[in-house]
Amino acid sequence: MSDIVKQIREIFEQAALSPKEQKQVLRDVVKENWPDLPVWTTLDGAVVEEVQKATAGSGVVLTFEEAGVRKVVLAQTGDHYAKPGEAAVPAFMIPGGFINLSETPGSSLVAASSAPEDGRTGAAREVEEELKNPDGSALLKVDPSRLKPMDTLTLAFRGEKRIVIGMMLELNAAEVKTVKEHIANIAASPAYAAATAAQSINHDSGKPEVSNVAIFTLEDVAAGKVNLLHKDQQSLFKVVEQHYKDVEAQVRRAIVQNNQPRH
């Protein structure tokens, strides 16, 4: 390796390149021989320093209120998450995944473009990609502007740092009806269930990532009574739960203030 470095130095001396020109040559060589070079890599003179690899992701809590009880919609994991030779242990997760920093793939309500994907747009796309009808269409068409950022975590995951933006989507009555009908159809029809699961096939394992959809109370999930595939997601449910407790407290204070006699 030292001989190669010596040869490069001699080439630079013979070409009489300025320090700036030397850096540009090195950049070009590295890019040509390192096609997946992270955009956050820096090059200082003859030293290439890769900044700690990081990715941006999102997760969305789908929630609604029913008969005074706050509930959430979760996806049940499929056989993709089972250990070799074992059946998948029932676990649940919220829709989520990577935010695309190189382009915007687009979704039902967002046109594809070459612009970097922002957090809300990526999160909306992930909801549509992970919750699907048997024909492959999105179970819910999500407007990114409806997503409410709730929390941000930086996690260590498989040798990299992952910045995850936790969001919340308040489902309207029509969406709740759609989700409940979808759950009922999965339970009633094996063909419907199989076709739905097939829409979440993982390309590496060839097995579905999602096998079902379920509804739980927010209180139970936040309290750890539901087996979450990604345990770190429980903190997001706690944040969402606290958000609604704060909202309820504000409403109660407003009622009390409005009922006080005016002087």
Protein backbone atom coordinates (compact mmCIF):
# COMPACT_ATOMS: atom_id res chain seq x y z
CA MET A 1 0.00 0.00 0.00
CA SER A 2 2.85 2.39 0.80
CA ASP A 3 4.28 1.84 -2.71
CA ILE A 4 0.94 2.87 -4.25
CA VAL A 5 0.84 6.01 -2.13
CA LYS A 6 4.40 6.81 -3.21
CA GLN A 7 3.47 6.40 -6.88
CA ILE A 8 0.46 8.70 -6.49
CA ARG A 9 2.64 11.36 -4.89
CA GLU A 10 5.15 11.12 -7.73
CA ILE A 11 2.35 11.51 -10.30
CA PHE A 12 1.10 14.61 -8.48
CA GLU A 13 4.62 16.08 -8.43
CA GLN A 14 5.18 15.37 -12.12
CA ALA A 15 1.80 16.90 -13.03
CA ALA A 16 2.53 19.94 -10.85
CA LEU A 17 -1.01 19.86 -9.51
CA SER A 18 -2.14 22.40 -6.96
CA PRO A 19 -3.51 21.10 -3.62
CA LYS A 20 -7.03 21.86 -4.83
CA GLU A 21 -6.46 19.94 -8.06
CA GLN A 22 -4.99 17.02 -6.13
CA LYS A 23 -8.13 16.82 -4.00
CA GLN A 24 -10.34 16.83 -7.06
CA VAL A 25 -8.36 14.00 -8.65
CA LEU A 26 -8.71 11.97 -5.48
CA ARG A 27 -12.45 12.66 -5.34
CA ASP A 28 -12.87 11.49 -8.93
CA VAL A 29 -10.87 8.31 -8.34
CA VAL A 30 -12.80 7.48 -5.18
CA LYS A 31 -16.18 8.08 -6.84
CA GLU A 32 -15.30 5.89 -9.81
CA ASN A 33 -14.13 3.02 -7.61
CA TRP A 34 -16.67 3.44 -4.81
CA PRO A 35 -20.09 3.69 -6.53
CA ASP A 36 -22.03 3.61 -3.25
CA LEU A 37 -19.90 6.31 -1.64
CA PRO A 38 -22.12 8.04 0.99
CA VAL A 39 -22.90 11.63 0.11
CA TRP A 40 -21.81 12.66 3.60
CA THR A 41 -18.26 11.35 3.08
CA THR A 42 -15.59 14.06 3.30
CA LEU A 43 -12.24 14.19 1.55
CA ASP A 44 -9.41 16.23 3.04
CA GLY A 45 -6.31 16.22 0.87
CA ALA A 46 -5.12 12.63 0.53
CA VAL A 47 -7.22 11.45 3.49
CA VAL A 48 -10.64 9.95 2.94
CA GLU A 49 -12.71 10.02 6.11
CA GLU A 50 -16.13 8.37 6.15
CA VAL A 51 -18.44 10.09 8.59
CA GLN A 52 -20.49 7.73 10.80
CA LYS A 53 -23.08 6.16 8.54
CA ALA A 54 -26.61 7.26 9.29
CA THR A 55 -30.04 6.75 7.81
CA ALA A 56 -33.33 8.54 8.29
CA GLY A 57 -36.53 6.66 8.94
CA SER A 58 -40.08 7.12 10.11
CA GLY A 59 -42.85 5.31 11.92
CA VAL A 60 -46.53 6.22 12.05
CA VAL A 61 -49.03 5.54 14.83
CA LEU A 62 -52.48 5.18 13.27
CA THR A 63 -55.01 6.15 15.91
CA PHE A 64 -58.68 6.91 16.46
CA GLU A 65 -61.13 7.32 19.32
CA GLU A 66 -64.08 4.98 19.80
CA ALA A 67 -66.63 5.19 22.63
CA GLY A 68 -64.24 7.36 24.60
CA VAL A 69 -61.33 4.93 24.24
CA ARG A 70 -58.19 5.81 22.27
CA LYS A 71 -57.18 2.96 19.93
CA VAL A 72 -54.35 2.20 17.50
CA VAL A 73 -53.99 0.13 14.33
CA LEU A 74 -50.98 -2.19 14.10
CA ALA A 75 -49.67 -4.57 11.45
CA GLN A 76 -49.04 -8.16 12.54
CA THR A 77 -45.72 -9.56 11.41
CA GLY A 78 -45.60 -12.29 8.80
CA ASP A 79 -43.35 -15.31 8.21
CA HIS A 80 -40.50 -13.08 7.03
CA TYR A 81 -39.74 -12.35 10.69
CA ALA A 82 -39.82 -15.98 11.83
CA LYS A 83 -36.58 -17.65 12.86
CA PRO A 84 -35.42 -20.45 10.51
CA GLY A 85 -37.42 -23.60 11.16
CA GLU A 86 -39.87 -21.83 13.47
CA ALA A 87 -43.30 -20.31 13.00
CA ALA A 88 -43.54 -16.56 13.29
CA VAL A 89 -44.25 -15.45 16.85
CA PRO A 90 -47.18 -13.00 16.76
CA ALA A 91 -45.69 -9.53 17.01
CA PHE A 92 -46.91 -6.14 15.91
CA MET A 93 -45.46 -3.01 14.37
CA ILE A 94 -46.41 0.38 13.03
CA PRO A 95 -45.96 1.23 9.35
CA GLY A 96 -42.54 2.73 8.79
CA GLY A 97 -39.24 2.54 6.99
CA PHE A 98 -36.52 4.56 5.31
CA ILE A 99 -36.94 8.09 4.08
CA ASN A 100 -35.48 8.32 0.57
CA LEU A 101 -32.82 11.05 0.54
CA SER A 102 -31.99 10.76 -3.15
CA GLU A 103 -35.46 11.08 -4.69
CA THR A 104 -39.18 11.11 -3.98
CA PRO A 105 -40.72 7.79 -5.11
CA GLY A 106 -44.21 9.24 -4.73
CA SER A 107 -47.49 7.81 -3.44
CA SER A 108 -51.23 8.07 -4.07
CA LEU A 109 -51.28 11.80 -3.37
CA VAL A 110 -47.65 12.76 -4.04
CA ALA A 111 -46.05 12.85 -7.48
CA ALA A 112 -42.67 11.21 -7.93
CA SER A 113 -39.74 13.60 -8.41
CA SER A 114 -35.97 13.88 -8.21
CA ALA A 115 -36.21 16.00 -5.05
CA PRO A 116 -35.22 14.45 -1.71
CA GLU A 117 -38.16 12.95 0.15
CA ASP A 118 -39.14 14.86 3.30
CA GLY A 119 -40.16 13.10 6.49
CA ARG A 120 -43.92 13.41 6.17
CA THR A 121 -43.91 12.37 2.52
CA GLY A 122 -41.78 9.32 3.25
CA ALA A 123 -43.92 8.32 6.21
CA ALA A 124 -47.13 8.62 4.17
CA ARG A 125 -45.60 6.47 1.44
CA GLU A 126 -44.59 3.81 3.96
CA VAL A 127 -48.14 3.58 5.32
CA GLU A 128 -49.43 3.02 1.80
CA GLU A 129 -46.73 0.48 0.95
CA GLU A 130 -47.16 -1.64 4.08
CA LEU A 131 -50.95 -1.66 4.40
CA LYS A 132 -52.42 -2.89 1.14
CA ASN A 133 -55.55 -4.39 -0.34
CA PRO A 134 -55.40 -7.81 -2.03
CA ASP A 135 -55.08 -6.13 -5.44
CA GLY A 136 -52.01 -4.18 -4.33
CA SER A 137 -53.69 -0.81 -3.95
CA ALA A 138 -53.14 1.21 -0.80
CA LEU A 139 -55.56 0.41 2.02
CA LEU A 140 -55.36 4.06 3.08
CA LYS A 141 -54.48 7.02 0.89
CA VAL A 142 -52.44 9.29 3.13
CA ASP A 143 -52.05 13.04 2.74
CA PRO A 144 -48.60 13.86 4.23
CA SER A 145 -49.92 17.15 5.62
CA ARG A 146 -52.15 15.19 8.02
CA LEU A 147 -49.20 13.54 9.73
CA LYS A 148 -48.22 15.04 13.06
CA PRO A 149 -44.56 14.64 14.17
CA MET A 150 -44.49 13.42 17.77
CA ASP A 151 -40.95 12.35 18.62
CA THR A 152 -37.44 11.83 17.24
CA LEU A 153 -34.98 9.15 18.31
CA THR A 154 -31.41 8.33 17.33
CA LEU A 155 -30.87 4.59 17.49
CA ALA A 156 -27.90 2.26 17.02
CA PHE A 157 -29.01 -0.41 14.57
CA ARG A 158 -26.81 -3.04 12.88
CA GLY A 159 -23.68 -0.93 12.97
CA GLU A 160 -25.23 2.34 11.91
CA LYS A 161 -26.97 5.28 13.49
CA ARG A 162 -30.62 5.63 12.58
CA ILE A 163 -32.59 8.83 13.06
CA VAL A 164 -36.27 7.93 13.34
CA ILE A 165 -39.10 10.44 13.23
CA GLY A 166 -42.17 9.18 15.08
CA MET A 167 -45.45 10.48 13.66
CA MET A 168 -49.16 10.13 14.26
CA LEU A 169 -52.15 9.98 11.94
CA GLU A 170 -55.64 10.56 13.31
CA LEU A 171 -57.91 8.33 11.23
CA ASN A 172 -61.28 9.70 10.16
CA ALA A 173 -64.53 7.71 10.36
CA ALA A 174 -64.30 6.49 6.75
CA GLU A 175 -60.74 5.27 7.27
CA VAL A 176 -61.66 3.45 10.48
CA LYS A 177 -64.48 1.71 8.61
CA THR A 178 -62.07 0.72 5.84
CA VAL A 179 -59.59 -0.75 8.32
CA LYS A 180 -62.26 -2.70 10.20
CA GLU A 181 -63.69 -4.13 7.00
CA HIS A 182 -60.18 -5.14 5.92
CA ILE A 183 -59.59 -6.95 9.23
CA ALA A 184 -62.97 -8.70 8.97
CA ASN A 185 -62.26 -9.83 5.40
CA ILE A 186 -58.87 -11.27 6.40
CA ALA A 187 -60.55 -13.26 9.18
CA ALA A 188 -63.43 -14.46 7.00
CA SER A 189 -61.63 -15.34 3.77
CA PRO A 190 -58.37 -17.34 3.54
CA ALA A 191 -58.07 -16.27 -0.10
CA TYR A 192 -58.38 -12.60 0.83
CA ALA A 193 -55.84 -13.08 3.63
CA ALA A 194 -53.36 -14.85 1.36
CA ALA A 195 -53.70 -12.25 -1.39
CA THR A 196 -53.19 -9.45 1.12
CA ALA A 197 -50.11 -11.08 2.65
CA ALA A 198 -48.67 -11.60 -0.83
CA GLN A 199 -48.56 -7.83 -1.29
CA SER A 200 -45.92 -7.58 1.46
CA ILE A 201 -43.51 -10.27 0.19
CA ASN A 202 -39.92 -9.47 1.12
CA HIS A 203 -37.62 -9.80 -1.90
CA ASP A 204 -34.80 -11.40 0.12
CA SER A 205 -36.76 -14.01 2.08
CA GLY A 206 -39.67 -14.51 -0.32
CA LYS A 207 -42.03 -14.41 2.66
CA PRO A 208 -44.66 -11.81 3.67
CA GLU A 209 -43.70 -9.13 6.16
CA VAL A 210 -47.32 -8.47 7.14
CA SER A 211 -49.84 -11.23 7.88
CA ASN A 212 -52.71 -9.32 9.43
CA VAL A 213 -53.90 -6.00 10.83
CA ALA A 214 -55.16 -5.57 14.39
CA ILE A 215 -56.62 -2.90 16.66
CA PHE A 216 -55.50 -2.39 20.26
CA THR A 217 -56.08 0.26 22.89
CA LEU A 218 -53.35 2.87 23.03
CA GLU A 219 -53.15 2.35 26.79
CA ASP A 220 -52.26 -1.35 26.43
CA VAL A 221 -49.60 -0.74 23.78
CA ALA A 222 -48.03 2.13 25.73
CA ALA A 223 -47.99 -0.04 28.85
CA GLY A 224 -46.09 -2.82 27.08
CA LYS A 225 -48.99 -5.29 27.01
CA VAL A 226 -48.65 -5.85 23.26
CA ASN A 227 -45.65 -7.70 21.79
CA LEU A 228 -43.94 -5.15 19.56
CA LEU A 229 -41.44 -6.33 16.97
CA HIS A 230 -39.40 -3.17 17.50
CA LYS A 231 -39.32 -2.57 21.25
CA ASP A 232 -38.06 0.99 20.82
CA GLN A 233 -41.42 1.90 19.27
CA GLN A 234 -43.09 1.65 22.67
CA SER A 235 -41.65 5.05 23.61
CA LEU A 236 -43.54 6.59 20.68
CA PHE A 237 -46.81 5.14 21.94
CA LYS A 238 -46.10 6.66 25.34
CA VAL A 239 -45.54 10.05 23.73
CA VAL A 240 -48.81 9.75 21.78
CA GLU A 241 -50.66 8.66 24.91
CA GLN A 242 -49.30 11.64 26.84
CA HIS A 243 -50.28 13.95 23.98
CA TYR A 244 -53.93 12.93 24.27
CA LYS A 245 -53.83 13.14 28.06
CA ASP A 246 -52.59 16.72 27.71
CA VAL A 247 -55.33 17.50 25.19
CA GLU A 248 -57.99 16.10 27.52
CA ALA A 249 -56.59 18.11 30.43
CA GLN A 250 -56.74 21.28 28.34
CA VAL A 251 -60.38 20.58 27.42
CA ARG A 252 -61.30 20.04 31.08
CA ARG A 253 -59.63 23.29 32.09
CA ALA A 254 -61.45 25.14 29.32
CA ILE A 255 -64.81 23.72 30.49
CA VAL A 256 -64.12 24.74 34.09
CA GLN A 257 -63.10 28.24 33.04
CA ASN A 258 -66.19 28.66 30.84
CA ASN A 259 -68.45 27.56 33.71
CA GLN A 260 -66.99 30.01 36.20
CA PRO A 261 -69.28 32.97 37.04
CA ARG A 262 -68.35 36.16 35.29
CA HIS A 263 -68.03 39.35 37.35
